[in-house]
Amino acid sequence: MKALKLFTILFLFLMIQKTVYSQKTIPEGTVTVCENTDDGVNPINPKTTVKVGELVVYQIAFENKYKIGNETEPEMFFIDWKIYQLDKDGNEEYLYGEKTMTVNSLYRRYALPEQLYYTTPGRYRIYALPSGWSDKDLSGNKNKYYGVTEIDVVE
């Protein structure tokens, strides 16, 4: 009887743990590629297509202020931006570029402080990721990023 109780408790513990880890645990945001941002970090002239060499900024907007736990004072955290060039089928062909930015929490919107540009035409996928994220998370584990968008780059 003790073995049955122990087995039941262990089984329930594992089921609860699996449910908790399978849920998205980081906040979702909307990633925008834009010409620049204003003083409130709102996107200026959002883009879905850009020309080679055209300057752009990556911006992410969360629904609510980004918090780390129950904080009341801003805390530093990192946003990693990874850009993948896509093949003709929409699969990530290779890592085109990456940037890391250091920011403070308790804001809704964040943007890269510098403008970037593309040198090669094609379609690209841009991820905003928590720091410490690894490329292996891309293979089927899409619940570990803040936001994602795609952009076409033309001649």
N, C-alpha and C. Protein backbone atom coordinates (compact mmCIF):
# COMPACT_ATOMS: atom_id res chain seq x y z
N MET A 1 0.82 -1.19 0.00
CA MET A 1 0.00 0.00 0.00
C MET A 1 0.86 1.26 0.00
N LYS A 2 1.98 1.22 0.79
CA LYS A 2 2.88 2.37 0.81
C LYS A 2 3.49 2.60 -0.57
N ALA A 3 3.80 1.51 -1.25
CA ALA A 3 4.40 1.63 -2.58
C ALA A 3 3.42 2.30 -3.55
N LEU A 4 2.13 1.97 -3.45
CA LEU A 4 1.11 2.56 -4.31
C LEU A 4 0.97 4.06 -4.03
N LYS A 5 0.97 4.44 -2.75
CA LYS A 5 0.87 5.86 -2.39
C LYS A 5 2.10 6.62 -2.90
N LEU A 6 3.27 6.04 -2.71
CA LEU A 6 4.50 6.67 -3.16
C LEU A 6 4.50 6.83 -4.68
N PHE A 7 4.07 5.79 -5.37
CA PHE A 7 3.99 5.85 -6.83
C PHE A 7 3.01 6.93 -7.28
N THR A 8 1.85 7.02 -6.64
CA THR A 8 0.84 8.02 -6.98
C THR A 8 1.37 9.43 -6.76
N ILE A 9 2.02 9.66 -5.63
CA ILE A 9 2.58 10.98 -5.34
C ILE A 9 3.65 11.34 -6.37
N LEU A 10 4.53 10.41 -6.67
CA LEU A 10 5.58 10.65 -7.65
C LEU A 10 4.99 10.93 -9.03
N PHE A 11 3.99 10.17 -9.41
CA PHE A 11 3.33 10.36 -10.71
C PHE A 11 2.70 11.75 -10.80
N LEU A 12 1.97 12.16 -9.76
CA LEU A 12 1.34 13.48 -9.76
C LEU A 12 2.39 14.60 -9.80
N PHE A 13 3.46 14.43 -9.06
CA PHE A 13 4.54 15.42 -9.07
C PHE A 13 5.12 15.59 -10.47
N LEU A 14 5.39 14.48 -11.15
CA LEU A 14 5.95 14.54 -12.50
C LEU A 14 4.97 15.16 -13.49
N MET A 15 3.69 14.87 -13.36
CA MET A 15 2.68 15.45 -14.26
C MET A 15 2.58 16.96 -14.07
N ILE A 16 2.60 17.42 -12.83
CA ILE A 16 2.53 18.86 -12.55
C ILE A 16 3.79 19.54 -13.08
N GLN A 17 4.94 18.94 -12.86
CA GLN A 17 6.20 19.51 -13.32
C GLN A 17 6.21 19.62 -14.84
N LYS A 18 5.73 18.60 -15.54
CA LYS A 18 5.69 18.62 -17.00
C LYS A 18 4.78 19.73 -17.49
N THR A 19 3.63 19.92 -16.85
CA THR A 19 2.70 20.97 -17.24
C THR A 19 3.33 22.34 -17.05
N VAL A 20 4.00 22.56 -15.96
CA VAL A 20 4.63 23.86 -15.68
C VAL A 20 5.71 24.16 -16.71
N TYR A 21 6.57 23.21 -17.03
CA TYR A 21 7.67 23.45 -17.96
C TYR A 21 7.22 23.52 -19.41
N SER A 22 6.06 23.02 -19.75
CA SER A 22 5.62 23.07 -21.13
C SER A 22 4.92 24.38 -21.46
N GLN A 23 4.61 25.20 -20.46
CA GLN A 23 3.95 26.47 -20.70
C GLN A 23 4.97 27.55 -20.99
N LYS A 24 4.55 28.55 -21.77
CA LYS A 24 5.43 29.68 -22.05
C LYS A 24 5.61 30.46 -20.76
N THR A 25 6.84 30.69 -20.37
CA THR A 25 7.11 31.33 -19.09
C THR A 25 7.70 32.72 -19.24
N ILE A 26 7.91 33.19 -20.45
CA ILE A 26 8.43 34.55 -20.63
C ILE A 26 7.37 35.38 -21.34
N PRO A 27 7.39 36.69 -21.13
CA PRO A 27 6.36 37.53 -21.75
C PRO A 27 6.52 37.60 -23.26
N GLU A 28 5.39 37.74 -23.95
CA GLU A 28 5.41 37.87 -25.40
C GLU A 28 5.37 39.33 -25.79
N GLY A 29 6.10 39.66 -26.84
CA GLY A 29 6.10 41.01 -27.36
C GLY A 29 5.95 40.99 -28.87
N THR A 30 5.72 42.17 -29.44
CA THR A 30 5.61 42.33 -30.88
C THR A 30 6.89 42.98 -31.40
N VAL A 31 7.58 42.28 -32.29
CA VAL A 31 8.81 42.80 -32.87
C VAL A 31 8.47 43.58 -34.14
N THR A 32 9.07 44.76 -34.28
CA THR A 32 8.86 45.61 -35.44
C THR A 32 10.21 46.03 -36.00
N VAL A 33 10.33 45.96 -37.32
CA VAL A 33 11.48 46.53 -38.01
C VAL A 33 11.02 47.89 -38.50
N CYS A 34 11.76 48.94 -38.18
CA CYS A 34 11.31 50.30 -38.52
C CYS A 34 12.49 51.18 -38.91
N GLU A 35 12.15 52.35 -39.45
CA GLU A 35 13.18 53.32 -39.84
C GLU A 35 13.94 53.84 -38.62
N ASN A 36 13.20 54.10 -37.54
CA ASN A 36 13.78 54.57 -36.30
C ASN A 36 12.69 54.52 -35.23
N THR A 37 12.98 55.02 -34.03
CA THR A 37 11.97 55.12 -32.98
C THR A 37 11.95 56.55 -32.45
N ASP A 38 10.79 56.95 -31.91
CA ASP A 38 10.69 58.29 -31.32
C ASP A 38 11.17 58.25 -29.87
N ASP A 39 10.99 59.36 -29.16
CA ASP A 39 11.46 59.44 -27.77
C ASP A 39 10.75 58.46 -26.84
N GLY A 40 9.53 58.03 -27.21
CA GLY A 40 8.78 57.05 -26.42
C GLY A 40 9.04 55.62 -26.87
N VAL A 41 10.03 55.42 -27.73
CA VAL A 41 10.42 54.13 -28.30
C VAL A 41 9.28 53.52 -29.13
N ASN A 42 8.46 54.37 -29.73
CA ASN A 42 7.44 53.93 -30.68
C ASN A 42 8.08 53.85 -32.06
N PRO A 43 7.69 52.85 -32.87
CA PRO A 43 8.31 52.72 -34.19
C PRO A 43 7.94 53.87 -35.12
N ILE A 44 8.92 54.35 -35.88
CA ILE A 44 8.71 55.35 -36.92
C ILE A 44 8.84 54.62 -38.26
N ASN A 45 7.81 54.70 -39.08
CA ASN A 45 7.79 54.10 -40.41
C ASN A 45 8.13 52.61 -40.38
N PRO A 46 7.25 51.78 -39.80
CA PRO A 46 7.48 50.32 -39.77
C PRO A 46 7.67 49.76 -41.18
N LYS A 47 8.47 48.74 -41.30
CA LYS A 47 8.84 48.16 -42.60
C LYS A 47 8.55 46.67 -42.63
N THR A 48 8.12 46.20 -43.81
CA THR A 48 8.05 44.77 -44.07
C THR A 48 9.00 44.41 -45.22
N THR A 49 9.40 45.44 -45.97
CA THR A 49 10.38 45.30 -47.05
C THR A 49 11.35 46.47 -46.98
N VAL A 50 12.63 46.18 -47.13
CA VAL A 50 13.66 47.23 -47.17
C VAL A 50 14.61 46.95 -48.32
N LYS A 51 15.35 47.97 -48.71
CA LYS A 51 16.37 47.81 -49.75
C LYS A 51 17.71 47.48 -49.09
N VAL A 52 18.57 46.81 -49.84
CA VAL A 52 19.93 46.55 -49.38
C VAL A 52 20.56 47.89 -49.01
N GLY A 53 21.16 47.98 -47.84
CA GLY A 53 21.82 49.20 -47.39
C GLY A 53 20.93 50.19 -46.67
N GLU A 54 19.61 49.96 -46.67
CA GLU A 54 18.68 50.87 -45.99
C GLU A 54 18.78 50.67 -44.47
N LEU A 55 18.89 51.77 -43.74
CA LEU A 55 19.05 51.70 -42.28
C LEU A 55 17.73 51.37 -41.59
N VAL A 56 17.78 50.44 -40.62
CA VAL A 56 16.60 50.04 -39.86
C VAL A 56 16.97 49.87 -38.39
N VAL A 57 15.93 49.82 -37.56
CA VAL A 57 16.06 49.57 -36.12
C VAL A 57 15.11 48.44 -35.78
N TYR A 58 15.49 47.58 -34.84
CA TYR A 58 14.60 46.54 -34.31
C TYR A 58 13.99 47.06 -33.02
N GLN A 59 12.67 46.91 -32.90
CA GLN A 59 11.95 47.38 -31.71
C GLN A 59 11.04 46.26 -31.24
N ILE A 60 10.88 46.13 -29.92
CA ILE A 60 9.93 45.17 -29.36
C ILE A 60 9.03 45.90 -28.37
N ALA A 61 7.74 45.58 -28.44
CA ALA A 61 6.76 46.17 -27.53
C ALA A 61 6.03 45.05 -26.80
N PHE A 62 6.06 45.10 -25.47
CA PHE A 62 5.32 44.14 -24.65
C PHE A 62 3.96 44.73 -24.31
N GLU A 63 2.98 43.87 -24.04
CA GLU A 63 1.65 44.34 -23.67
C GLU A 63 1.68 45.11 -22.36
N ASN A 64 2.45 44.61 -21.41
CA ASN A 64 2.61 45.26 -20.10
C ASN A 64 4.08 45.55 -19.87
N LYS A 65 4.37 46.34 -18.86
CA LYS A 65 5.77 46.62 -18.53
C LYS A 65 6.49 45.31 -18.23
N TYR A 66 7.70 45.18 -18.76
CA TYR A 66 8.48 43.97 -18.54
C TYR A 66 8.97 43.96 -17.09
N LYS A 67 8.63 42.89 -16.38
CA LYS A 67 9.03 42.75 -14.97
C LYS A 67 9.82 41.47 -14.77
N ILE A 68 10.76 41.55 -13.85
CA ILE A 68 11.50 40.37 -13.43
C ILE A 68 10.98 40.03 -12.04
N GLY A 69 10.09 39.07 -11.96
CA GLY A 69 9.47 38.74 -10.67
C GLY A 69 8.49 39.82 -10.25
N ASN A 70 8.49 40.17 -8.97
CA ASN A 70 7.58 41.18 -8.43
C ASN A 70 8.30 42.49 -8.14
N GLU A 71 9.27 42.82 -8.94
CA GLU A 71 10.09 44.00 -8.67
C GLU A 71 9.30 45.30 -8.71
N THR A 72 9.78 46.27 -7.98
CA THR A 72 9.20 47.62 -8.00
C THR A 72 10.24 48.64 -8.46
N GLU A 73 11.51 48.26 -8.48
CA GLU A 73 12.59 49.11 -8.98
C GLU A 73 13.17 48.43 -10.22
N PRO A 74 13.60 49.22 -11.21
CA PRO A 74 14.15 48.63 -12.43
C PRO A 74 15.36 47.74 -12.16
N GLU A 75 15.41 46.63 -12.90
CA GLU A 75 16.55 45.72 -12.85
C GLU A 75 17.09 45.54 -14.26
N MET A 76 18.39 45.35 -14.38
CA MET A 76 19.02 45.18 -15.68
C MET A 76 18.74 43.77 -16.22
N PHE A 77 18.46 43.70 -17.52
CA PHE A 77 18.39 42.41 -18.20
C PHE A 77 18.86 42.60 -19.63
N PHE A 78 18.95 41.51 -20.37
CA PHE A 78 19.50 41.55 -21.72
C PHE A 78 18.47 41.04 -22.72
N ILE A 79 18.49 41.63 -23.90
CA ILE A 79 17.71 41.13 -25.03
C ILE A 79 18.71 40.79 -26.12
N ASP A 80 18.70 39.55 -26.56
CA ASP A 80 19.53 39.11 -27.67
C ASP A 80 18.69 39.16 -28.94
N TRP A 81 19.21 39.78 -29.97
CA TRP A 81 18.56 39.82 -31.28
C TRP A 81 19.33 38.89 -32.20
N LYS A 82 18.65 37.93 -32.81
CA LYS A 82 19.30 37.02 -33.75
C LYS A 82 18.54 37.09 -35.07
N ILE A 83 19.30 37.21 -36.16
CA ILE A 83 18.72 37.36 -37.48
C ILE A 83 19.16 36.17 -38.33
N TYR A 84 18.18 35.46 -38.87
CA TYR A 84 18.45 34.29 -39.71
C TYR A 84 17.97 34.56 -41.12
N GLN A 85 18.82 34.24 -42.10
CA GLN A 85 18.38 34.30 -43.48
C GLN A 85 17.61 33.02 -43.77
N LEU A 86 16.49 33.17 -44.50
CA LEU A 86 15.62 32.04 -44.79
C LEU A 86 15.89 31.51 -46.19
N ASP A 87 15.69 30.20 -46.37
CA ASP A 87 15.78 29.63 -47.70
C ASP A 87 14.45 29.82 -48.43
N LYS A 88 14.34 29.27 -49.63
CA LYS A 88 13.12 29.47 -50.44
C LYS A 88 11.88 28.85 -49.81
N ASP A 89 12.07 27.85 -48.93
CA ASP A 89 10.94 27.19 -48.27
C ASP A 89 10.58 27.84 -46.93
N GLY A 90 11.30 28.89 -46.54
CA GLY A 90 11.02 29.57 -45.28
C GLY A 90 11.73 28.97 -44.08
N ASN A 91 12.68 28.07 -44.33
CA ASN A 91 13.47 27.48 -43.24
C ASN A 91 14.69 28.35 -42.95
N GLU A 92 15.12 28.37 -41.72
CA GLU A 92 16.28 29.16 -41.33
C GLU A 92 17.54 28.52 -41.90
N GLU A 93 18.15 29.23 -42.85
CA GLU A 93 19.31 28.70 -43.55
C GLU A 93 20.59 28.89 -42.75
N TYR A 94 20.81 30.11 -42.27
CA TYR A 94 22.00 30.35 -41.44
C TYR A 94 21.84 31.64 -40.65
N LEU A 95 22.66 31.76 -39.60
CA LEU A 95 22.65 32.94 -38.75
C LEU A 95 23.31 34.08 -39.50
N TYR A 96 22.54 35.13 -39.79
CA TYR A 96 23.04 36.28 -40.55
C TYR A 96 23.71 37.31 -39.64
N GLY A 97 23.17 37.49 -38.45
CA GLY A 97 23.74 38.47 -37.54
C GLY A 97 23.12 38.37 -36.16
N GLU A 98 23.76 39.01 -35.18
CA GLU A 98 23.23 39.02 -33.83
C GLU A 98 23.72 40.24 -33.07
N LYS A 99 22.91 40.72 -32.17
CA LYS A 99 23.21 41.86 -31.31
C LYS A 99 22.67 41.56 -29.93
N THR A 100 23.34 42.08 -28.90
CA THR A 100 22.84 41.97 -27.54
C THR A 100 22.70 43.38 -26.99
N MET A 101 21.57 43.65 -26.34
CA MET A 101 21.40 44.96 -25.72
C MET A 101 21.10 44.80 -24.25
N THR A 102 21.65 45.72 -23.46
CA THR A 102 21.42 45.76 -22.02
C THR A 102 20.38 46.83 -21.75
N VAL A 103 19.32 46.46 -21.03
CA VAL A 103 18.22 47.39 -20.76
C VAL A 103 17.76 47.25 -19.31
N ASN A 104 16.93 48.17 -18.88
CA ASN A 104 16.31 48.10 -17.56
C ASN A 104 14.87 47.65 -17.70
N SER A 105 14.40 46.91 -16.73
CA SER A 105 13.02 46.44 -16.74
C SER A 105 12.07 47.57 -16.38
N LEU A 106 10.79 47.25 -16.34
CA LEU A 106 9.69 48.16 -15.99
C LEU A 106 9.34 49.14 -17.12
N TYR A 107 9.67 48.77 -18.35
CA TYR A 107 9.23 49.52 -19.53
C TYR A 107 8.48 48.57 -20.45
N ARG A 108 7.67 49.14 -21.34
CA ARG A 108 6.93 48.33 -22.30
C ARG A 108 7.68 48.15 -23.62
N ARG A 109 8.45 49.16 -24.02
CA ARG A 109 9.08 49.14 -25.34
C ARG A 109 10.60 49.27 -25.23
N TYR A 110 11.28 48.52 -26.11
CA TYR A 110 12.74 48.54 -26.17
C TYR A 110 13.14 48.54 -27.65
N ALA A 111 14.26 49.20 -27.96
CA ALA A 111 14.77 49.20 -29.34
C ALA A 111 16.29 49.24 -29.31
N LEU A 112 16.88 48.68 -30.36
CA LEU A 112 18.33 48.77 -30.50
C LEU A 112 18.72 50.24 -30.59
N PRO A 113 19.80 50.63 -29.94
CA PRO A 113 20.20 52.04 -29.96
C PRO A 113 20.85 52.49 -31.28
N GLU A 114 21.26 51.53 -32.12
CA GLU A 114 21.88 51.91 -33.39
C GLU A 114 21.10 51.34 -34.56
N GLN A 115 21.23 51.99 -35.71
CA GLN A 115 20.58 51.51 -36.92
C GLN A 115 21.48 50.47 -37.59
N LEU A 116 20.85 49.48 -38.20
CA LEU A 116 21.55 48.40 -38.89
C LEU A 116 21.11 48.39 -40.35
N TYR A 117 21.81 47.61 -41.18
CA TYR A 117 21.39 47.45 -42.57
C TYR A 117 21.75 46.05 -43.06
N TYR A 118 21.08 45.63 -44.13
CA TYR A 118 21.31 44.33 -44.73
C TYR A 118 22.18 44.50 -45.97
N THR A 119 23.06 43.55 -46.23
CA THR A 119 23.95 43.61 -47.39
C THR A 119 23.56 42.63 -48.48
N THR A 120 22.65 41.70 -48.16
CA THR A 120 22.28 40.65 -49.10
C THR A 120 20.76 40.57 -49.23
N PRO A 121 20.23 40.56 -50.47
CA PRO A 121 18.78 40.42 -50.63
C PRO A 121 18.31 39.05 -50.13
N GLY A 122 17.05 38.97 -49.73
CA GLY A 122 16.46 37.72 -49.27
C GLY A 122 15.40 37.97 -48.22
N ARG A 123 14.93 36.90 -47.63
CA ARG A 123 13.95 36.99 -46.55
C ARG A 123 14.66 36.62 -45.26
N TYR A 124 14.36 37.38 -44.18
CA TYR A 124 15.04 37.21 -42.91
C TYR A 124 14.02 37.09 -41.78
N ARG A 125 14.38 36.31 -40.77
CA ARG A 125 13.58 36.18 -39.55
C ARG A 125 14.38 36.77 -38.40
N ILE A 126 13.73 37.67 -37.64
CA ILE A 126 14.39 38.36 -36.53
C ILE A 126 13.75 37.91 -35.23
N TYR A 127 14.56 37.39 -34.32
CA TYR A 127 14.10 36.96 -33.00
C TYR A 127 14.58 37.94 -31.93
N ALA A 128 13.71 38.26 -30.98
CA ALA A 128 14.11 38.94 -29.74
C ALA A 128 14.08 37.86 -28.67
N LEU A 129 15.23 37.62 -28.03
CA LEU A 129 15.40 36.46 -27.16
C LEU A 129 15.92 36.85 -25.79
N PRO A 130 15.59 36.04 -24.78
CA PRO A 130 16.22 36.27 -23.48
C PRO A 130 17.70 35.89 -23.56
N SER A 131 18.52 36.54 -22.77
CA SER A 131 19.95 36.25 -22.75
C SER A 131 20.17 34.80 -22.31
N GLY A 132 21.20 34.19 -22.87
CA GLY A 132 21.50 32.80 -22.51
C GLY A 132 20.80 31.80 -23.39
N TRP A 133 20.03 32.27 -24.34
CA TRP A 133 19.31 31.41 -25.28
C TRP A 133 20.33 30.76 -26.20
N SER A 134 20.05 29.58 -26.68
CA SER A 134 21.01 28.94 -27.58
C SER A 134 20.33 28.53 -28.88
N ASP A 135 21.12 28.35 -29.92
CA ASP A 135 20.58 28.00 -31.24
C ASP A 135 19.80 26.69 -31.22
N LYS A 136 20.13 25.78 -30.33
CA LYS A 136 19.42 24.50 -30.29
C LYS A 136 17.94 24.70 -29.96
N ASP A 137 17.60 25.82 -29.30
CA ASP A 137 16.20 26.08 -28.97
C ASP A 137 15.35 26.33 -30.21
N LEU A 138 15.98 26.65 -31.34
CA LEU A 138 15.22 26.91 -32.56
C LEU A 138 14.56 25.65 -33.09
N SER A 139 15.17 24.50 -32.89
CA SER A 139 14.66 23.28 -33.49
C SER A 139 13.43 22.77 -32.76
N GLY A 140 12.30 23.39 -33.06
CA GLY A 140 11.03 22.92 -32.52
C GLY A 140 10.66 23.47 -31.17
N ASN A 141 11.53 24.27 -30.54
CA ASN A 141 11.23 24.78 -29.20
C ASN A 141 11.00 26.28 -29.29
N LYS A 142 9.90 26.68 -29.91
CA LYS A 142 9.64 28.08 -30.22
C LYS A 142 8.97 28.83 -29.07
N ASN A 143 8.94 28.30 -27.88
CA ASN A 143 8.27 29.00 -26.77
C ASN A 143 9.25 29.74 -25.88
N LYS A 144 10.47 29.96 -26.33
CA LYS A 144 11.47 30.58 -25.47
C LYS A 144 11.97 31.91 -26.00
N TYR A 145 11.20 32.59 -26.83
CA TYR A 145 11.60 33.91 -27.30
C TYR A 145 10.55 34.94 -26.93
N TYR A 146 10.96 36.23 -26.91
CA TYR A 146 10.03 37.31 -26.60
C TYR A 146 9.13 37.62 -27.79
N GLY A 147 9.72 37.65 -28.97
CA GLY A 147 8.97 37.98 -30.17
C GLY A 147 9.77 37.65 -31.42
N VAL A 148 9.07 37.62 -32.56
CA VAL A 148 9.71 37.28 -33.83
C VAL A 148 8.96 38.00 -34.95
N THR A 149 9.69 38.35 -36.00
CA THR A 149 9.08 38.92 -37.20
C THR A 149 9.94 38.55 -38.39
N GLU A 150 9.43 38.83 -39.59
CA GLU A 150 10.19 38.56 -40.81
C GLU A 150 10.20 39.81 -41.68
N ILE A 151 11.23 39.94 -42.50
CA ILE A 151 11.36 41.08 -43.40
C ILE A 151 11.98 40.62 -44.71
N ASP A 152 11.55 41.27 -45.81
CA ASP A 152 12.12 41.02 -47.13
C ASP A 152 13.12 42.12 -47.44
N VAL A 153 14.28 41.72 -47.96
CA VAL A 153 15.32 42.67 -48.36
C VAL A 153 15.48 42.54 -49.88
N VAL A 154 15.34 43.67 -50.58
CA VAL A 154 15.40 43.68 -52.04
C VAL A 154 16.55 44.57 -52.51
N GLU A 155 16.95 44.40 -53.78
CA GLU A 155 18.02 45.24 -54.37
C GLU A 155 17.55 46.67 -54.49
